[in-house]
N, C-alpha and C. Protein backbone atom coordinates (compact mmCIF):
# COMPACT_ATOMS: atom_id res chain seq x y z
N MET A 1 6.44 45.33 13.43
CA MET A 1 7.78 45.81 13.19
C MET A 1 8.17 46.75 14.34
N ASN A 2 9.43 46.86 14.67
CA ASN A 2 9.92 47.64 15.71
C ASN A 2 9.66 49.17 15.43
N SER A 3 9.09 49.90 16.46
CA SER A 3 8.73 51.24 16.27
C SER A 3 9.95 52.20 16.08
N GLU A 4 11.06 51.75 16.72
CA GLU A 4 12.30 52.61 16.56
C GLU A 4 12.77 52.59 15.11
N LEU A 5 12.71 51.43 14.50
CA LEU A 5 13.08 51.24 13.15
C LEU A 5 12.21 52.03 12.20
N LEU A 6 10.97 52.04 12.49
CA LEU A 6 9.89 52.83 11.71
C LEU A 6 10.22 54.36 11.88
N THR A 7 10.57 54.76 13.08
CA THR A 7 10.87 56.20 13.25
C THR A 7 12.17 56.58 12.50
N ILE A 8 13.16 55.72 12.59
CA ILE A 8 14.41 56.06 11.88
C ILE A 8 14.18 56.05 10.43
N LEU A 9 13.47 55.13 9.84
CA LEU A 9 13.32 55.09 8.41
C LEU A 9 12.38 56.19 7.96
N SER A 10 11.46 56.59 8.73
CA SER A 10 10.56 57.70 8.29
C SER A 10 11.34 59.03 8.21
N GLN A 11 12.39 59.22 8.92
CA GLN A 11 13.27 60.36 8.83
C GLN A 11 13.87 60.54 7.45
N PHE A 12 13.90 59.51 6.71
CA PHE A 12 14.57 59.60 5.37
C PHE A 12 13.56 59.86 4.25
N GLY A 13 12.29 60.11 4.52
CA GLY A 13 11.25 60.48 3.56
C GLY A 13 10.91 59.27 2.65
N PRO A 14 10.76 59.55 1.36
CA PRO A 14 10.39 58.57 0.41
C PRO A 14 11.41 57.48 0.33
N ALA A 15 12.67 57.71 0.53
CA ALA A 15 13.72 56.73 0.47
C ALA A 15 13.58 55.80 1.70
N GLY A 16 13.18 56.39 2.83
CA GLY A 16 12.97 55.57 4.07
C GLY A 16 11.75 54.64 3.87
N LEU A 17 10.73 55.19 3.26
CA LEU A 17 9.53 54.42 3.04
C LEU A 17 9.84 53.28 2.07
N MET A 18 10.60 53.53 1.05
CA MET A 18 10.93 52.41 0.10
C MET A 18 11.81 51.41 0.82
N GLY A 19 12.67 51.83 1.65
CA GLY A 19 13.55 50.96 2.41
C GLY A 19 12.66 50.04 3.30
N LEU A 20 11.68 50.69 3.98
CA LEU A 20 10.82 50.01 4.90
C LEU A 20 9.98 48.90 4.10
N LEU A 21 9.45 49.33 2.96
CA LEU A 21 8.73 48.36 2.09
C LEU A 21 9.53 47.26 1.68
N TRP A 22 10.81 47.52 1.30
CA TRP A 22 11.75 46.51 0.88
C TRP A 22 12.02 45.56 1.97
N ILE A 23 12.15 45.99 3.23
CA ILE A 23 12.49 45.14 4.27
C ILE A 23 11.20 44.27 4.65
N LEU A 24 10.08 44.85 4.54
CA LEU A 24 8.81 44.11 4.81
C LEU A 24 8.62 43.01 3.73
N GLU A 25 8.92 43.34 2.49
CA GLU A 25 8.81 42.40 1.42
C GLU A 25 9.79 41.30 1.58
N ARG A 26 11.03 41.54 1.99
CA ARG A 26 12.07 40.46 2.20
C ARG A 26 11.64 39.53 3.37
N ARG A 27 11.06 40.15 4.40
CA ARG A 27 10.63 39.26 5.54
C ARG A 27 9.45 38.37 5.07
N HIS A 28 8.50 38.99 4.34
CA HIS A 28 7.38 38.21 3.89
C HIS A 28 7.86 37.08 2.86
N ALA A 29 8.87 37.41 2.03
CA ALA A 29 9.32 36.51 1.09
C ALA A 29 10.04 35.30 1.80
N ALA A 30 10.80 35.67 2.84
CA ALA A 30 11.51 34.57 3.60
C ALA A 30 10.48 33.68 4.31
N LEU A 31 9.43 34.32 4.93
CA LEU A 31 8.38 33.58 5.53
C LEU A 31 7.60 32.64 4.54
N ARG A 32 7.37 33.20 3.38
CA ARG A 32 6.65 32.40 2.34
C ARG A 32 7.59 31.25 1.86
N GLU A 33 8.85 31.50 1.79
CA GLU A 33 9.79 30.44 1.29
C GLU A 33 9.85 29.32 2.36
N ARG A 34 9.82 29.62 3.62
CA ARG A 34 9.76 28.61 4.70
C ARG A 34 8.45 27.85 4.57
N GLN A 35 7.40 28.50 4.37
CA GLN A 35 6.08 27.81 4.27
C GLN A 35 6.11 26.95 3.03
N LEU A 36 6.60 27.35 1.93
CA LEU A 36 6.62 26.48 0.73
C LEU A 36 7.52 25.28 0.90
N THR A 37 8.66 25.49 1.55
CA THR A 37 9.55 24.39 1.87
C THR A 37 8.94 23.35 2.79
N GLU A 38 8.20 23.79 3.83
CA GLU A 38 7.47 22.89 4.74
C GLU A 38 6.43 22.15 3.98
N ALA A 39 5.66 22.85 3.16
CA ALA A 39 4.59 22.24 2.36
C ALA A 39 5.12 21.24 1.36
N HIS A 40 6.29 21.53 0.77
CA HIS A 40 6.88 20.57 -0.08
C HIS A 40 7.40 19.34 0.58
N ARG A 41 7.93 19.47 1.79
CA ARG A 41 8.37 18.27 2.59
C ARG A 41 7.10 17.44 2.88
N ALA A 42 6.02 18.09 3.33
CA ALA A 42 4.83 17.30 3.65
C ALA A 42 4.30 16.55 2.44
N VAL A 43 4.22 17.25 1.29
CA VAL A 43 3.79 16.53 0.09
C VAL A 43 4.66 15.43 -0.30
N ALA A 44 6.02 15.59 -0.18
CA ALA A 44 6.90 14.53 -0.51
C ALA A 44 6.70 13.36 0.38
N ALA A 45 6.54 13.64 1.70
CA ALA A 45 6.32 12.55 2.62
C ALA A 45 5.03 11.79 2.34
N ARG A 46 3.98 12.48 2.04
CA ARG A 46 2.73 11.90 1.70
C ARG A 46 2.85 11.04 0.37
N ASP A 47 3.60 11.58 -0.58
CA ASP A 47 3.82 10.89 -1.81
C ASP A 47 4.60 9.54 -1.51
N HIS A 48 5.54 9.61 -0.65
CA HIS A 48 6.31 8.40 -0.29
C HIS A 48 5.41 7.36 0.40
N GLU A 49 4.52 7.85 1.36
CA GLU A 49 3.62 6.99 2.02
C GLU A 49 2.59 6.38 1.01
N SER A 50 2.12 7.21 0.08
CA SER A 50 1.18 6.70 -0.95
C SER A 50 1.77 5.62 -1.82
N THR A 51 3.05 5.85 -2.20
CA THR A 51 3.71 4.90 -3.02
C THR A 51 3.89 3.58 -2.27
N ALA A 52 4.30 3.71 -0.96
CA ALA A 52 4.40 2.45 -0.22
C ALA A 52 3.10 1.75 -0.05
N LEU A 53 1.98 2.47 0.17
CA LEU A 53 0.67 1.86 0.30
C LEU A 53 0.33 1.13 -1.01
N LEU A 54 0.50 1.84 -2.17
CA LEU A 54 0.20 1.24 -3.44
C LEU A 54 0.98 -0.01 -3.71
N ASP A 55 2.26 0.00 -3.31
CA ASP A 55 3.09 -1.21 -3.48
C ASP A 55 2.57 -2.35 -2.67
N VAL A 56 2.06 -2.10 -1.43
CA VAL A 56 1.50 -3.17 -0.61
C VAL A 56 0.22 -3.67 -1.22
N VAL A 57 -0.68 -2.85 -1.67
CA VAL A 57 -1.87 -3.22 -2.32
C VAL A 57 -1.60 -4.00 -3.59
N ARG A 58 -0.64 -3.61 -4.40
CA ARG A 58 -0.26 -4.35 -5.58
C ARG A 58 0.25 -5.74 -5.23
N ASP A 59 1.12 -5.84 -4.23
CA ASP A 59 1.62 -7.13 -3.81
C ASP A 59 0.54 -8.02 -3.25
N ASN A 60 -0.38 -7.45 -2.44
CA ASN A 60 -1.44 -8.21 -1.94
C ASN A 60 -2.35 -8.72 -3.07
N THR A 61 -2.65 -7.93 -3.99
CA THR A 61 -3.48 -8.31 -5.13
C THR A 61 -2.86 -9.45 -5.92
N ARG A 62 -1.57 -9.33 -6.09
CA ARG A 62 -0.80 -10.37 -6.82
C ARG A 62 -0.88 -11.70 -6.03
N ALA A 63 -0.73 -11.58 -4.68
CA ALA A 63 -0.75 -12.81 -3.87
C ALA A 63 -2.11 -13.47 -3.93
N ILE A 64 -3.14 -12.68 -3.89
CA ILE A 64 -4.49 -13.18 -3.86
C ILE A 64 -4.78 -13.86 -5.18
N ALA A 65 -4.37 -13.22 -6.24
CA ALA A 65 -4.54 -13.77 -7.67
C ALA A 65 -3.86 -15.14 -7.80
N THR A 66 -2.60 -15.19 -7.20
CA THR A 66 -1.83 -16.43 -7.35
C THR A 66 -2.50 -17.52 -6.52
N LEU A 67 -3.03 -17.18 -5.31
CA LEU A 67 -3.71 -18.16 -4.47
C LEU A 67 -4.94 -18.65 -5.17
N GLU A 68 -5.72 -17.78 -5.75
CA GLU A 68 -6.95 -18.19 -6.46
C GLU A 68 -6.55 -19.09 -7.61
N HIS A 69 -5.55 -18.76 -8.41
CA HIS A 69 -5.12 -19.64 -9.51
C HIS A 69 -4.67 -21.00 -8.97
N THR A 70 -3.98 -21.02 -7.88
CA THR A 70 -3.53 -22.38 -7.34
C THR A 70 -4.71 -23.11 -6.86
N GLN A 71 -5.70 -22.47 -6.23
CA GLN A 71 -6.94 -23.25 -5.76
C GLN A 71 -7.70 -23.75 -6.93
N ARG A 72 -7.77 -22.98 -8.04
CA ARG A 72 -8.47 -23.56 -9.21
C ARG A 72 -7.77 -24.74 -9.77
N GLN A 73 -6.41 -24.73 -9.81
CA GLN A 73 -5.72 -25.86 -10.29
C GLN A 73 -5.89 -27.07 -9.44
N VAL A 74 -5.87 -26.88 -8.17
CA VAL A 74 -6.15 -27.99 -7.21
C VAL A 74 -7.55 -28.61 -7.44
N LEU A 75 -8.44 -27.71 -7.52
CA LEU A 75 -9.89 -28.15 -7.77
C LEU A 75 -9.99 -28.94 -9.09
N ARG A 76 -9.36 -28.48 -10.17
CA ARG A 76 -9.44 -29.21 -11.42
C ARG A 76 -8.75 -30.54 -11.36
N THR A 77 -7.59 -30.59 -10.62
CA THR A 77 -6.86 -31.85 -10.47
C THR A 77 -7.76 -32.85 -9.67
N ALA A 78 -8.35 -32.35 -8.56
CA ALA A 78 -9.22 -33.26 -7.74
C ALA A 78 -10.39 -33.70 -8.58
N GLU A 79 -10.96 -32.85 -9.38
CA GLU A 79 -12.11 -33.31 -10.26
C GLU A 79 -11.67 -34.40 -11.28
N ARG A 80 -10.46 -34.16 -11.84
CA ARG A 80 -9.98 -35.19 -12.80
C ARG A 80 -9.72 -36.49 -12.10
N LEU A 81 -9.05 -36.47 -10.94
CA LEU A 81 -8.81 -37.69 -10.13
C LEU A 81 -10.05 -38.41 -9.82
N SER A 82 -11.04 -37.58 -9.37
CA SER A 82 -12.29 -38.18 -8.98
C SER A 82 -13.02 -38.93 -10.16
N GLU A 83 -12.95 -38.25 -11.30
CA GLU A 83 -13.52 -38.85 -12.51
C GLU A 83 -12.75 -40.06 -12.95
N ARG A 84 -11.41 -40.09 -12.87
CA ARG A 84 -10.64 -41.21 -13.19
C ARG A 84 -10.93 -42.44 -12.29
N LEU A 85 -11.00 -42.12 -10.92
CA LEU A 85 -11.29 -43.16 -10.01
C LEU A 85 -12.65 -43.77 -10.25
N ALA A 86 -13.66 -42.91 -10.53
CA ALA A 86 -15.06 -43.39 -10.82
C ALA A 86 -15.03 -44.28 -12.08
N MET A 87 -14.26 -43.93 -13.10
CA MET A 87 -14.18 -44.78 -14.26
C MET A 87 -13.52 -46.07 -13.96
N MET A 88 -12.49 -46.09 -13.18
CA MET A 88 -11.76 -47.27 -12.82
C MET A 88 -12.66 -48.27 -12.00
N ILE A 89 -13.43 -47.65 -11.07
CA ILE A 89 -14.33 -48.45 -10.24
C ILE A 89 -15.40 -49.08 -11.09
N ARG A 90 -15.99 -48.23 -11.98
CA ARG A 90 -17.08 -48.81 -12.93
C ARG A 90 -16.51 -49.89 -13.87
N ALA A 91 -15.28 -49.81 -14.26
CA ALA A 91 -14.68 -50.71 -15.16
C ALA A 91 -14.17 -52.00 -14.38
N GLY A 92 -14.22 -51.89 -13.09
CA GLY A 92 -13.76 -53.07 -12.29
C GLY A 92 -12.23 -53.19 -12.39
N ASP A 93 -11.51 -52.14 -12.60
CA ASP A 93 -10.08 -52.11 -12.70
C ASP A 93 -9.52 -52.58 -11.38
N ALA A 94 -8.56 -53.49 -11.40
CA ALA A 94 -7.94 -54.12 -10.14
C ALA A 94 -7.11 -53.04 -9.49
N ARG A 95 -6.67 -51.93 -10.27
CA ARG A 95 -5.85 -50.98 -9.68
C ARG A 95 -6.68 -50.01 -8.82
N ALA A 96 -7.97 -49.99 -9.03
CA ALA A 96 -8.91 -49.06 -8.30
C ALA A 96 -8.90 -49.45 -6.89
N PRO A 97 -8.98 -48.43 -6.00
CA PRO A 97 -9.05 -48.77 -4.61
C PRO A 97 -10.39 -49.46 -4.29
N ALA A 98 -10.36 -50.37 -3.45
CA ALA A 98 -11.48 -51.13 -3.03
C ALA A 98 -12.45 -50.25 -2.25
N ARG A 99 -13.75 -50.49 -2.50
CA ARG A 99 -14.74 -49.74 -1.64
C ARG A 99 -14.77 -50.34 -0.28
N THR A 100 -14.59 -49.52 0.70
CA THR A 100 -14.66 -49.99 2.08
C THR A 100 -15.63 -49.17 2.78
N SER A 101 -16.02 -49.70 3.93
CA SER A 101 -16.91 -48.91 4.83
C SER A 101 -16.13 -47.86 5.49
N ALA A 102 -16.81 -47.02 6.18
CA ALA A 102 -16.16 -45.93 6.89
C ALA A 102 -15.21 -46.48 7.95
N PRO A 103 -14.01 -45.85 8.13
CA PRO A 103 -13.05 -46.45 9.07
C PRO A 103 -13.63 -46.41 10.53
N SER A 104 -13.28 -47.35 11.24
CA SER A 104 -13.70 -47.61 12.62
C SER A 104 -12.91 -46.59 13.44
N HIS A 105 -13.57 -46.08 14.47
CA HIS A 105 -12.92 -45.11 15.39
C HIS A 105 -12.40 -45.81 16.59
N GLN A 106 -12.51 -47.16 16.63
CA GLN A 106 -12.04 -47.89 17.79
C GLN A 106 -10.50 -48.13 17.58
N ALA A 107 -9.79 -48.11 18.65
CA ALA A 107 -8.39 -48.29 18.66
C ALA A 107 -8.12 -49.80 18.40
N ASP A 108 -7.06 -50.04 17.62
CA ASP A 108 -6.63 -51.49 17.32
C ASP A 108 -6.04 -51.97 18.66
N VAL A 109 -6.44 -53.14 18.96
CA VAL A 109 -5.94 -53.82 20.23
C VAL A 109 -4.98 -54.91 19.74
N ALA A 110 -3.78 -54.88 20.28
CA ALA A 110 -2.75 -55.87 19.86
C ALA A 110 -2.78 -57.07 20.72
């Protein structure tokens, strides 16, 4: 605090001391209010970041679960198709694909 102000206020005795204490309290309160405002802004920013991060995690989890579900459906469909083809082949069904040897890697010559 400015020494001139202290000298001036001390000339007023107890009233000066009370005035000095009031000024110090107001300065401290203003400083504390600025600190609280800054802390509130920081917390609000972190809260916004946390919310965004949780939204991304939730969306990724949903996408992974959907992918897993789709893969399971494809696997079940492939297993059913394989079983159906095996039954058709065993039964000698004309609609069943003929068993062939592995395809040749040689190019067809015209």
